[in-house]
Protein backbone atom coordinates (compact mmCIF):
# COMPACT_ATOMS: atom_id res chain seq x y z
CA THR A 1 -52.31 -8.19 22.05
CA VAL A 2 -51.52 -8.37 18.37
CA CYS A 3 -54.44 -9.18 16.08
CA ASN A 4 -53.31 -11.37 13.17
CA THR A 5 -56.62 -12.91 12.13
CA GLY A 6 -59.25 -11.84 9.65
CA VAL A 7 -58.28 -8.92 7.46
CA TYR A 8 -55.09 -8.47 9.51
CA LYS A 9 -53.74 -11.64 7.84
CA ILE A 10 -53.54 -9.61 4.64
CA VAL A 11 -53.14 -5.96 5.65
CA ARG A 12 -51.28 -4.71 8.71
CA HIS A 13 -53.28 -1.45 8.88
CA PRO A 14 -56.61 -2.06 7.13
CA GLY A 15 -58.16 1.25 8.17
CA TYR A 16 -55.27 3.24 6.76
CA ALA A 17 -55.18 1.11 3.61
CA GLY A 18 -58.89 1.73 3.04
CA MET A 19 -58.47 5.45 3.56
CA MET A 20 -55.57 5.53 1.08
CA ILE A 21 -57.71 3.80 -1.53
CA SER A 22 -60.53 6.26 -0.88
CA LEU A 23 -58.18 9.23 -1.19
CA ALA A 24 -56.72 7.83 -4.42
CA ALA A 25 -60.25 7.59 -5.84
CA LEU A 26 -61.17 11.16 -4.85
CA PRO A 27 -59.89 12.86 -8.05
CA LEU A 28 -61.74 10.29 -10.16
CA LEU A 29 -64.97 10.77 -8.22
CA THR A 30 -64.88 14.56 -8.28
CA GLY A 31 -63.55 14.86 -11.81
CA SER A 32 -61.31 17.66 -10.58
CA PHE A 33 -57.64 17.81 -11.42
CA TRP A 34 -57.10 20.06 -8.38
CA SER A 35 -58.35 17.40 -5.98
CA ILE A 36 -55.15 15.45 -6.68
CA ILE A 37 -53.26 17.85 -4.39
CA PRO A 38 -55.21 17.22 -1.16
CA ALA A 39 -55.57 13.51 -2.02
CA ALA A 40 -51.80 13.13 -2.49
CA ALA A 41 -51.12 15.08 0.71
CA GLY A 42 -53.51 12.82 2.63
CA ILE A 43 -51.92 9.66 1.26
CA ILE A 44 -48.42 10.89 2.11
CA LEU A 45 -49.51 11.80 5.65
CA LEU A 46 -51.11 8.37 6.12
CA PHE A 47 -47.91 6.67 4.93
CA ILE A 48 -45.90 8.70 7.43
CA ARG A 49 -48.39 7.99 10.22
CA THR A 50 -48.27 4.26 9.44
CA PHE A 51 -44.46 4.27 9.49
CA LEU A 52 -44.36 6.10 12.84
CA GLU A 53 -47.12 3.95 14.32
CA ASP A 54 -45.24 0.79 13.35
CA ASP A 55 -42.16 2.06 15.17
CA THR A 56 -44.22 2.77 18.29
CA LEU A 57 -45.97 -0.60 18.17
CA LYS A 58 -42.65 -2.42 17.75
CA ARG A 59 -41.38 -0.75 20.93
CA GLU A 60 -44.51 -0.98 23.06
CA LEU A 61 -46.66 -3.93 21.94
CA PRO A 62 -45.40 -7.41 22.82
CA GLY A 63 -45.45 -9.68 19.77
CA TYR A 64 -45.65 -6.88 17.22
CA VAL A 65 -42.03 -7.27 16.11
CA GLU A 66 -42.68 -10.90 15.15
CA TYR A 67 -45.92 -9.88 13.43
CA SER A 68 -44.19 -7.13 11.45
CA GLN A 69 -41.34 -9.45 10.42
CA MET A 70 -43.80 -11.47 8.37
CA THR A 71 -43.48 -8.76 5.72
CA ASN A 72 -40.56 -6.95 4.10
CA GLY A 73 -42.04 -3.47 4.64
CA GLY A 74 -45.15 -1.47 3.95
CA SER A 75 -48.75 -2.09 4.95
CA PHE A 76 -49.29 -5.39 3.17
CA ARG A 77 -48.31 -8.61 4.92
CA LYS A 78 -47.21 -11.71 3.00
CA TYR A 79 -47.44 -9.87 -0.31
CA GLY A 80 -44.34 -7.86 0.51
CA ASN A 81 -43.39 -4.86 -1.54
CA LEU A 82 -46.01 -4.45 -4.24
CA ILE A 83 -44.51 -1.36 -5.88
CA LEU A 84 -40.73 -1.78 -5.90
CA PRO A 85 -38.92 -5.08 -5.36
CA GLU A 86 -36.78 -4.58 -2.25
CA ASP A 87 -33.57 -5.66 -3.97
CA SER A 88 -34.02 -3.39 -7.01
CA ALA A 89 -31.59 -0.53 -7.65
CA ALA A 90 -34.48 1.95 -7.64
CA ALA A 91 -35.61 0.81 -4.20
CA GLN A 92 -32.08 0.97 -2.79
CA ALA A 93 -31.69 4.55 -4.02
CA LEU A 94 -34.69 5.74 -2.00
CA PRO A 95 -34.34 7.03 1.57
CA LEU A 96 -35.25 4.42 4.22
CA LEU A 97 -38.50 6.19 5.21
CA VAL A 98 -39.75 6.18 1.62
CA ARG A 99 -38.69 2.55 1.05
CA ASN A 100 -40.61 1.41 4.12
CA LEU A 101 -43.77 3.12 2.93
CA PHE A 102 -44.11 0.80 -0.04
C-alpha cells in the first residue's frame, strides 16, 4: 500500500532526500574541494534511482499513480518544482529525465 502520512505528506522519498542533503553537506564538512566530485556523483545517482523507482512503483504499486500526481515532478510533494518552474523556458529546454529530477 502507498504510505501518504507523516513525512510522506511532504517528501515522496524521504530516505533519498535525506541522503542527498547529507551528500551536499559533505564538501562543507570535510573542507575538501575534491569531495565535491563523489558528492555530486552520489546525488546524481540518487536522482536517477528515484526517477527509475518512481516508474517501477507507478507500474506495480496500486494507488501510486494517484499519489505521484499530487506533485508536478521531483521528490517533493505539494511544493512542486522547487528549482525550476515547470513552465519556464529553461525547464522546457532540459531533457525529460533531468526535468523530472527537480
